[in-house]
Each structure stands twice: as structure tokens, then as C-alpha cells.
Amino acid sequence: MAELSHASHTTPIKGLGVTVLFLAAIALGSFLGLATPAIGESLSQGIDTTLMLMVGLLFFEVRLTNVLKAVANLRFIAIAWAANFLFVPMIAFLIASLFLADQPLLYLGLLIYFLAPCTDWFLGFTRMARGDTALGAALIPINMLTQLLLFPVWLWLFSQHTGAVDFASIPNVLVQWFLLPFIIAQSARWLAINLLSTTAFEKLCDATGILIPAVTAAVILQIFASNITTIADHKDAFGLVLMAIFLFFVLTYLLAEGMAKLFKLAQPEQPLLAMTTAARNAPLMLALTAIAIPDQPLIYAALIIGTLVEFPHLTALKLVITIIRARA
């Protein structure tokens, strides 16, 4: 049985709906943690289980067959890869250093958020902006593999002064929490493709799309319920986090526009480049960071704030692209 196009089963819970869901998780988790600390402590015991479920769902959605599509347009793949893994890290480092140099944990969380391009829902916004979703699907496994391989490098470069990272544990974390779940999830996907009908497989993918933001919200609720006191102690710094994220989105848009003009990208490729450089892979990075750097709620909080701002930004970016293309 042939696989569905990724665009046909992008996350059913979309855009602002995800933002509302995550805000509700923050509010409920904060309330539970403040009103009943014992409940917050109890919820924290299940974080590892929820994280593993989230990782498995994210890996189940990855289509390795999309790598073959990249061969047909290596030029764009190379441009997008350079934008995401060469130029965006430069922007990220400059912004994080400008706003949060004296807040090492928030600085690290913000950098982790900035450095990982999205591997799922950016395709929905690309489609709404009339971009090339088939080519975008080819970016997903490439982006995911690259960011997982670079994660230890980023930690080594940017977190040595925090004292929060046990570098000796990183290889085991990647194998036990990501390589093995990836193999299991992709094996389950292969079985589903070959054993289920097209309709049944489509329903399974839709269910996965619903579960990913729901499970991510559960992780957010657990984190805030068990760490709200620590997070609240640094609430004044989160205004800087928001400003930094806003500036990041502005600069990545200008980067995408500049590269699109420099390399004379085709019309459908331009929205795709804008979306892949703007959207970040917060759910996977939240899971990876919580596992690799345990008990650091400020790092997680910076990642979560990025997610809250991202969906309204992508919606606005889609509108800007649509207006510009209509005028052109």
C-alpha cells in the first residue's frame, strides 16, 4: 500500500488551537502546583512516561521515503539546510546573547528552541501559503536527523558554563530514548502501511496528529505543576524571552526572503523556505532536553514560551506571504 502524502494528514489540531491548548495546560498545571503541591509532585512522577509517548508519536509521523524526493531537488534542500543549520544558529546565538547572557538557563533553553527546525506542522502552514508541501515533506527526515546529531554539539558549545548538563550521559540518552524509539516507531509505521487499508491508515495518522499536541500539553501541565514555584521566581525574565523570540522571527523571515531572491527560488519554494526557517521543533526538543537535562524547569519554560508565540507568528507569516503573492 502506498503511503499518504504528508500534507493529507498534518496535525488536525492547528495553529491558534494548539496555542490555546498549551496555554490551558500552563494555567491548569500552575494552579495545581500552587494549590496542591502534593498533586504537582505526583504528576512529576509520570513525566518520563509521557515524554516517551510523545517521542514515539513524533517518530511515527516521520516518512523516511521522503528522502528520495530530496534527490529531485538537491539545490533547494541544500539552501534550506544551510539556512536552518548554518545561518539560523548565527542569528540564534546573537539574539540569545543580546537578551539573556546573564540568565544561563533561560539562555540555553532559548537557544535549544531556536536551533531545531520543525519536522511536522510547518507543512500545514506551507500548504495554506501555497508552498511546495511535497518538497517540504522531503525536508522532514533530513531536518530531524541533522538536529538529533547536532544536539550534543549544541550542548557542548552553549551549556558548559551552566553546569546543568552531564555530557557523559548524552550518548546513552540518544540511544535509549531516541534511537530505539525511532526504530520501534518506524517499524510500527511499516507494519501499519502494509497491514491496514488506505482508509484505516489515514485514520491512524489523523489520530496521531491529534495525540501529539494533546500529549505535549500533558507534558507542559506536568512540568508547570511540579515546578511552578521555580518558574514564577524568574517571571520578570520571560518578557526578555518574548522579545528575543519576536526578533528571531523577524530576522529569520528576512533571511528567507533574502535567500529566496539571491537564489531566485521558484514561487512554491519561497513560502516553504520562509516556513521551515521560522517554525521550530519545540515538542521534540522539549522531550530531548527534559531527558538529557533533568530538573531544569527554566530551560523547559523557555522552550514552551517559544511554542506559544510560534503559532500566532506562523499564522501572521502565512497572511503576509499570501498578501505579497497576491500583489505580485
Protein backbone atom coordinates (compact mmCIF):
# COMPACT_ATOMS: atom_id res chain seq x y z
CA MET A 1 0.00 0.00 0.00
CA ALA A 2 1.33 3.44 -0.90
CA GLU A 3 1.80 5.97 1.87
CA LEU A 4 -0.37 9.03 2.06
CA SER A 5 1.08 12.40 1.20
CA HIS A 6 2.16 14.09 4.40
CA ALA A 7 0.03 17.09 3.64
CA SER A 8 -3.07 14.94 3.86
CA HIS A 9 -2.56 14.16 7.50
CA THR A 10 -0.90 17.15 9.07
CA THR A 11 -1.85 17.88 12.66
CA PRO A 12 -5.67 18.17 12.89
CA ILE A 13 -5.35 20.46 15.91
CA LYS A 14 -3.94 23.50 14.19
CA GLY A 15 -2.49 26.94 14.68
CA LEU A 16 -4.12 29.00 17.38
CA GLY A 17 -5.94 25.94 18.67
CA VAL A 18 -2.61 24.48 19.76
CA THR A 19 -1.65 27.75 21.43
CA VAL A 20 -4.92 27.75 23.38
CA LEU A 21 -4.38 24.12 24.36
CA PHE A 22 -0.86 24.83 25.64
CA LEU A 23 -1.99 27.97 27.50
CA ALA A 24 -4.67 25.90 29.20
CA ALA A 25 -2.06 23.31 30.17
CA ILE A 26 0.16 26.04 31.67
CA ALA A 27 -2.77 27.56 33.58
CA LEU A 28 -4.04 24.24 34.94
CA GLY A 29 -0.56 22.97 35.80
CA SER A 30 0.31 26.23 37.57
CA PHE A 31 -2.96 26.16 39.52
CA LEU A 32 -2.46 22.55 40.61
CA GLY A 33 1.16 23.15 41.57
CA LEU A 34 0.32 26.21 43.67
CA ALA A 35 -2.95 24.99 45.19
CA THR A 36 -1.90 21.41 45.89
CA PRO A 37 1.87 20.84 45.81
CA ALA A 38 1.34 17.14 46.52
CA ILE A 39 -0.55 16.78 43.23
CA GLY A 40 2.22 18.60 41.43
CA GLU A 41 4.79 16.25 42.89
CA SER A 42 2.65 13.25 41.93
CA LEU A 43 2.28 14.48 38.36
CA SER A 44 6.04 14.92 38.06
CA GLN A 45 6.48 11.18 38.56
CA GLY A 46 4.83 10.50 35.22
CA ILE A 47 6.85 12.91 33.10
CA ASP A 48 9.21 10.24 31.73
CA THR A 49 6.30 8.07 30.58
CA THR A 50 4.56 10.99 28.87
CA LEU A 51 7.81 12.05 27.20
CA MET A 52 8.39 8.56 25.82
CA LEU A 53 4.86 8.52 24.39
CA MET A 54 5.44 11.92 22.77
CA VAL A 55 8.74 10.81 21.25
CA GLY A 56 7.15 7.65 19.84
CA LEU A 57 4.28 9.60 18.25
CA LEU A 58 6.66 12.15 16.71
CA PHE A 59 8.84 9.42 15.22
CA PHE A 60 5.82 7.52 13.92
CA GLU A 61 4.93 10.52 11.74
CA VAL A 62 8.35 10.65 10.06
CA ARG A 63 8.32 9.31 6.50
CA LEU A 64 11.76 8.04 5.56
CA THR A 65 10.60 7.51 1.97
CA ASN A 66 10.51 11.29 1.61
CA VAL A 67 14.31 11.31 1.49
CA LEU A 68 14.02 10.01 -2.07
CA LYS A 69 12.11 13.15 -3.04
CA ALA A 70 15.06 15.26 -1.91
CA VAL A 71 17.20 13.83 -4.73
CA ALA A 72 14.93 15.53 -7.26
CA ASN A 73 15.67 18.98 -5.86
CA LEU A 74 19.04 18.88 -4.15
CA ARG A 75 19.54 22.59 -4.82
CA PHE A 76 16.61 23.67 -2.65
CA ILE A 77 17.40 21.06 0.01
CA ALA A 78 20.95 22.43 0.25
CA ILE A 79 19.66 26.03 0.51
CA ALA A 80 17.14 25.13 3.22
CA TRP A 81 19.71 23.05 5.11
CA ALA A 82 22.23 25.91 5.05
CA ALA A 83 19.56 28.36 6.22
CA ASN A 84 18.47 26.16 9.14
CA PHE A 85 21.82 24.79 10.30
CA LEU A 86 24.36 27.45 9.33
CA PHE A 87 22.70 30.88 9.25
CA VAL A 88 19.86 30.43 11.78
CA PRO A 89 22.32 29.28 14.51
CA MET A 90 24.29 32.51 13.98
CA ILE A 91 21.10 34.54 14.41
CA ALA A 92 20.12 32.45 17.43
CA PHE A 93 23.43 32.92 19.20
CA LEU A 94 23.43 36.67 18.64
CA ILE A 95 19.86 37.12 19.89
CA ALA A 96 20.24 34.87 22.94
CA SER A 97 23.50 36.58 23.87
CA LEU A 98 21.91 40.02 23.46
CA PHE A 99 18.86 39.34 25.65
CA LEU A 100 19.76 36.59 28.13
CA ALA A 101 23.53 36.48 28.60
CA ASP A 102 23.05 36.89 32.37
CA GLN A 103 20.35 34.18 32.60
CA PRO A 104 22.27 30.99 31.66
CA LEU A 105 19.39 28.52 31.96
CA LEU A 106 16.89 30.63 30.02
CA TYR A 107 19.69 31.40 27.54
CA LEU A 108 20.24 27.68 26.96
CA GLY A 109 16.51 26.93 26.67
CA LEU A 110 16.05 29.71 24.15
CA LEU A 111 18.99 28.51 22.07
CA ILE A 112 17.70 24.93 22.04
CA TYR A 113 14.35 26.24 20.83
CA PHE A 114 15.94 28.37 18.10
CA LEU A 115 18.31 25.70 16.79
CA ALA A 116 15.87 22.94 15.81
CA PRO A 117 13.71 23.40 12.67
CA CYS A 118 10.18 21.99 12.71
CA THR A 119 9.55 18.49 11.41
CA ASP A 120 5.75 18.37 11.28
CA TRP A 121 3.23 21.20 11.50
CA PHE A 122 5.16 23.70 9.36
CA LEU A 123 3.79 21.79 6.35
CA GLY A 124 0.23 22.80 7.23
CA PHE A 125 1.20 26.48 7.15
CA THR A 126 3.23 25.91 3.98
CA ARG A 127 0.16 24.46 2.31
CA MET A 128 -2.02 27.39 3.43
CA ALA A 129 0.57 29.76 1.95
CA ARG A 130 0.51 27.73 -1.29
CA GLY A 131 4.03 26.46 -0.88
CA ASP A 132 5.53 23.18 -2.09
CA THR A 133 4.45 20.65 0.56
CA ALA A 134 5.82 17.64 -1.34
CA LEU A 135 9.29 19.16 -1.26
CA GLY A 136 8.71 20.23 2.34
CA ALA A 137 7.97 16.62 3.28
CA ALA A 138 11.41 15.68 1.94
CA LEU A 139 12.94 18.11 4.45
CA ILE A 140 11.41 16.38 7.47
CA PRO A 141 13.69 13.33 7.90
CA ILE A 142 16.74 15.39 6.90
CA ASN A 143 15.96 18.09 9.47
CA MET A 144 15.20 15.57 12.20
CA LEU A 145 18.35 13.52 11.67
CA THR A 146 20.53 16.64 11.50
CA GLN A 147 19.16 18.21 14.66
CA LEU A 148 19.47 14.98 16.65
CA LEU A 149 23.10 14.57 15.56
CA LEU A 150 23.86 18.21 16.33
CA PHE A 151 22.12 18.29 19.72
CA PRO A 152 25.20 17.10 21.69
CA VAL A 153 27.33 19.60 19.75
CA TRP A 154 25.00 22.49 20.61
CA LEU A 155 25.00 21.46 24.28
CA TRP A 156 28.79 21.29 24.32
CA LEU A 157 29.10 24.72 22.71
CA PHE A 158 26.47 26.60 24.71
CA SER A 159 25.96 24.92 28.08
CA GLN A 160 29.39 24.33 29.56
CA HIS A 161 29.10 27.39 31.81
CA THR A 162 25.68 26.37 33.16
CA GLY A 163 26.80 23.17 34.90
CA ALA A 164 23.39 21.69 34.05
CA VAL A 165 24.48 19.03 31.58
CA ASP A 166 26.03 15.64 32.29
CA PHE A 167 27.81 15.18 28.97
CA ALA A 168 28.82 11.60 29.75
CA SER A 169 25.16 10.56 29.75
CA ILE A 170 24.26 12.09 26.36
CA PRO A 171 25.20 9.06 24.16
CA ASN A 172 23.12 6.69 26.30
CA VAL A 173 20.21 9.15 26.30
CA LEU A 174 20.24 9.36 22.50
CA VAL A 175 20.33 5.57 22.12
CA GLN A 176 17.78 4.63 24.79
CA TRP A 177 15.33 7.49 24.33
CA PHE A 178 15.63 8.26 20.63
CA LEU A 179 17.38 5.64 18.50
CA LEU A 180 15.42 2.69 19.93
CA PRO A 181 12.05 4.51 19.95
CA PHE A 182 12.75 5.65 16.38
CA ILE A 183 13.33 2.07 15.24
CA ILE A 184 10.22 0.86 17.07
CA ALA A 185 8.03 3.70 15.76
CA GLN A 186 9.20 3.29 12.18
CA SER A 187 8.69 -0.49 12.39
CA ALA A 188 5.15 0.13 13.63
CA ARG A 189 4.59 2.56 10.74
CA TRP A 190 5.85 -0.01 8.22
CA LEU A 191 3.50 -2.65 9.66
CA ALA A 192 0.58 -0.23 9.57
CA ILE A 193 1.28 0.68 5.94
CA ASN A 194 1.39 -2.94 4.89
CA LEU A 195 -1.39 -4.36 7.05
CA LEU A 196 -4.02 -1.61 7.08
CA SER A 197 -6.22 -0.31 4.32
CA THR A 198 -5.64 3.19 2.99
CA THR A 199 -8.65 4.50 4.93
CA ALA A 200 -7.57 2.83 8.18
CA PHE A 201 -4.02 4.13 7.84
CA GLU A 202 -5.32 7.63 7.18
CA LYS A 203 -7.43 7.47 10.34
CA LEU A 204 -4.42 6.25 12.30
CA CYS A 205 -2.35 9.19 11.04
CA ASP A 206 -5.16 11.61 11.93
CA ALA A 207 -5.29 10.12 15.44
CA THR A 208 -1.53 10.54 15.75
CA GLY A 209 -1.87 14.18 14.66
CA ILE A 210 -4.46 14.77 17.41
CA LEU A 211 -2.43 12.96 20.07
CA ILE A 212 0.86 14.81 19.52
CA PRO A 213 -0.34 18.26 20.71
CA ALA A 214 -2.50 16.61 23.39
CA VAL A 215 0.45 14.65 24.80
CA THR A 216 2.69 17.73 24.51
CA ALA A 217 0.10 19.65 26.53
CA ALA A 218 0.18 16.89 29.15
CA VAL A 219 3.98 17.26 29.42
CA ILE A 220 3.60 21.03 29.80
CA LEU A 221 0.97 20.56 32.52
CA GLN A 222 3.25 18.16 34.42
CA ILE A 223 6.25 20.49 34.16
CA PHE A 224 4.36 23.54 35.42
CA ALA A 225 2.54 21.61 38.15
CA SER A 226 5.80 20.34 39.60
CA ASN A 227 7.97 23.43 39.00
CA ILE A 228 5.69 26.48 39.09
CA THR A 229 7.43 27.98 42.13
CA THR A 230 10.85 27.97 40.44
CA ILE A 231 9.41 29.31 37.19
CA ALA A 232 7.48 32.08 38.98
CA ASP A 233 10.65 33.23 40.73
CA HIS A 234 12.02 34.22 37.29
CA LYS A 235 8.83 35.60 35.76
CA ASP A 236 10.40 39.01 35.12
CA ALA A 237 12.89 37.47 32.69
CA PHE A 238 10.21 35.98 30.46
CA GLY A 239 9.49 39.40 28.95
CA LEU A 240 13.02 39.28 27.56
CA VAL A 241 12.37 35.78 26.24
CA LEU A 242 9.30 37.04 24.34
CA MET A 243 11.23 39.98 22.87
CA ALA A 244 14.05 37.69 21.81
CA ILE A 245 11.65 35.27 20.10
CA PHE A 246 9.90 38.10 18.26
CA LEU A 247 13.22 39.42 16.96
CA PHE A 248 14.22 35.88 15.94
CA PHE A 249 11.08 35.51 13.82
CA VAL A 250 11.67 38.88 12.14
CA LEU A 251 15.28 38.07 11.28
CA THR A 252 14.52 34.55 10.02
CA TYR A 253 11.86 35.98 7.72
CA LEU A 254 14.35 38.48 6.34
CA LEU A 255 16.88 35.67 5.95
CA ALA A 256 14.39 33.53 4.00
CA GLU A 257 13.36 36.46 1.79
CA GLY A 258 16.98 37.36 1.09
CA MET A 259 17.97 33.81 0.21
CA ALA A 260 14.87 33.34 -1.97
CA LYS A 261 15.83 36.41 -4.01
CA LEU A 262 19.54 35.59 -4.08
CA PHE A 263 18.98 32.07 -5.39
CA LYS A 264 15.92 33.01 -7.49
CA LEU A 265 13.72 30.33 -5.93
CA ALA A 266 10.53 29.26 -7.68
CA GLN A 267 7.24 30.68 -6.35
CA PRO A 268 6.19 27.50 -4.44
CA GLU A 269 9.64 27.21 -2.87
CA GLN A 270 9.58 30.69 -1.33
CA PRO A 271 6.80 30.07 1.24
CA LEU A 272 8.38 26.72 2.08
CA LEU A 273 11.74 28.33 2.87
CA ALA A 274 10.04 31.03 4.96
CA MET A 275 8.09 28.44 6.98
CA THR A 276 10.94 25.98 7.55
CA THR A 277 13.23 28.76 8.83
CA ALA A 278 10.50 30.18 11.09
CA ALA A 279 8.88 27.08 12.60
CA ARG A 280 10.80 25.31 15.34
CA ASN A 281 10.66 21.73 16.63
CA ALA A 282 9.67 22.54 20.21
CA PRO A 283 7.92 19.22 21.12
CA LEU A 284 10.90 17.03 20.20
CA MET A 285 13.38 19.46 21.74
CA LEU A 286 11.29 19.66 24.91
CA ALA A 287 11.36 15.88 25.18
CA LEU A 288 15.05 15.59 24.36
CA THR A 289 16.02 18.40 26.73
CA ALA A 290 13.90 17.14 29.63
CA ILE A 291 15.57 13.74 29.28
CA ALA A 292 19.13 14.93 28.69
CA ILE A 293 18.97 17.80 31.20
CA PRO A 294 16.63 16.72 34.02
CA ASP A 295 15.24 19.01 36.71
CA GLN A 296 15.83 22.30 34.90
CA PRO A 297 12.35 23.88 34.60
CA LEU A 298 13.65 27.27 33.42
CA ILE A 299 15.16 25.65 30.31
CA TYR A 300 11.85 23.90 29.59
CA ALA A 301 9.86 27.09 30.23
CA ALA A 302 11.84 28.99 27.57
CA LEU A 303 11.06 26.23 25.07
CA ILE A 304 7.37 26.27 25.95
CA ILE A 305 7.10 30.06 25.60
CA GLY A 306 8.60 29.74 22.13
CA THR A 307 5.86 27.32 21.20
CA LEU A 308 3.14 29.69 22.43
CA VAL A 309 4.43 32.53 20.27
CA GLU A 310 5.17 30.36 17.24
CA PHE A 311 1.64 29.52 16.12
CA PRO A 312 0.36 33.12 16.06
CA HIS A 313 3.56 34.07 14.25
CA LEU A 314 3.17 31.35 11.60
CA THR A 315 -0.44 32.42 11.08
CA ALA A 316 0.67 36.03 10.58
CA LEU A 317 3.51 34.89 8.31
CA LYS A 318 1.05 32.96 6.17
CA LEU A 319 -1.06 36.11 5.79
CA VAL A 320 1.96 38.23 4.88
CA ILE A 321 3.09 35.73 2.24
CA THR A 322 -0.42 35.47 0.81
CA ILE A 323 -0.77 39.26 0.54
CA ILE A 324 2.66 39.68 -1.05
CA ARG A 325 1.99 36.95 -3.61
CA ALA A 326 -1.44 38.37 -4.41
CA ARG A 327 0.09 41.78 -5.12
CA ALA A 328 2.82 40.21 -7.24
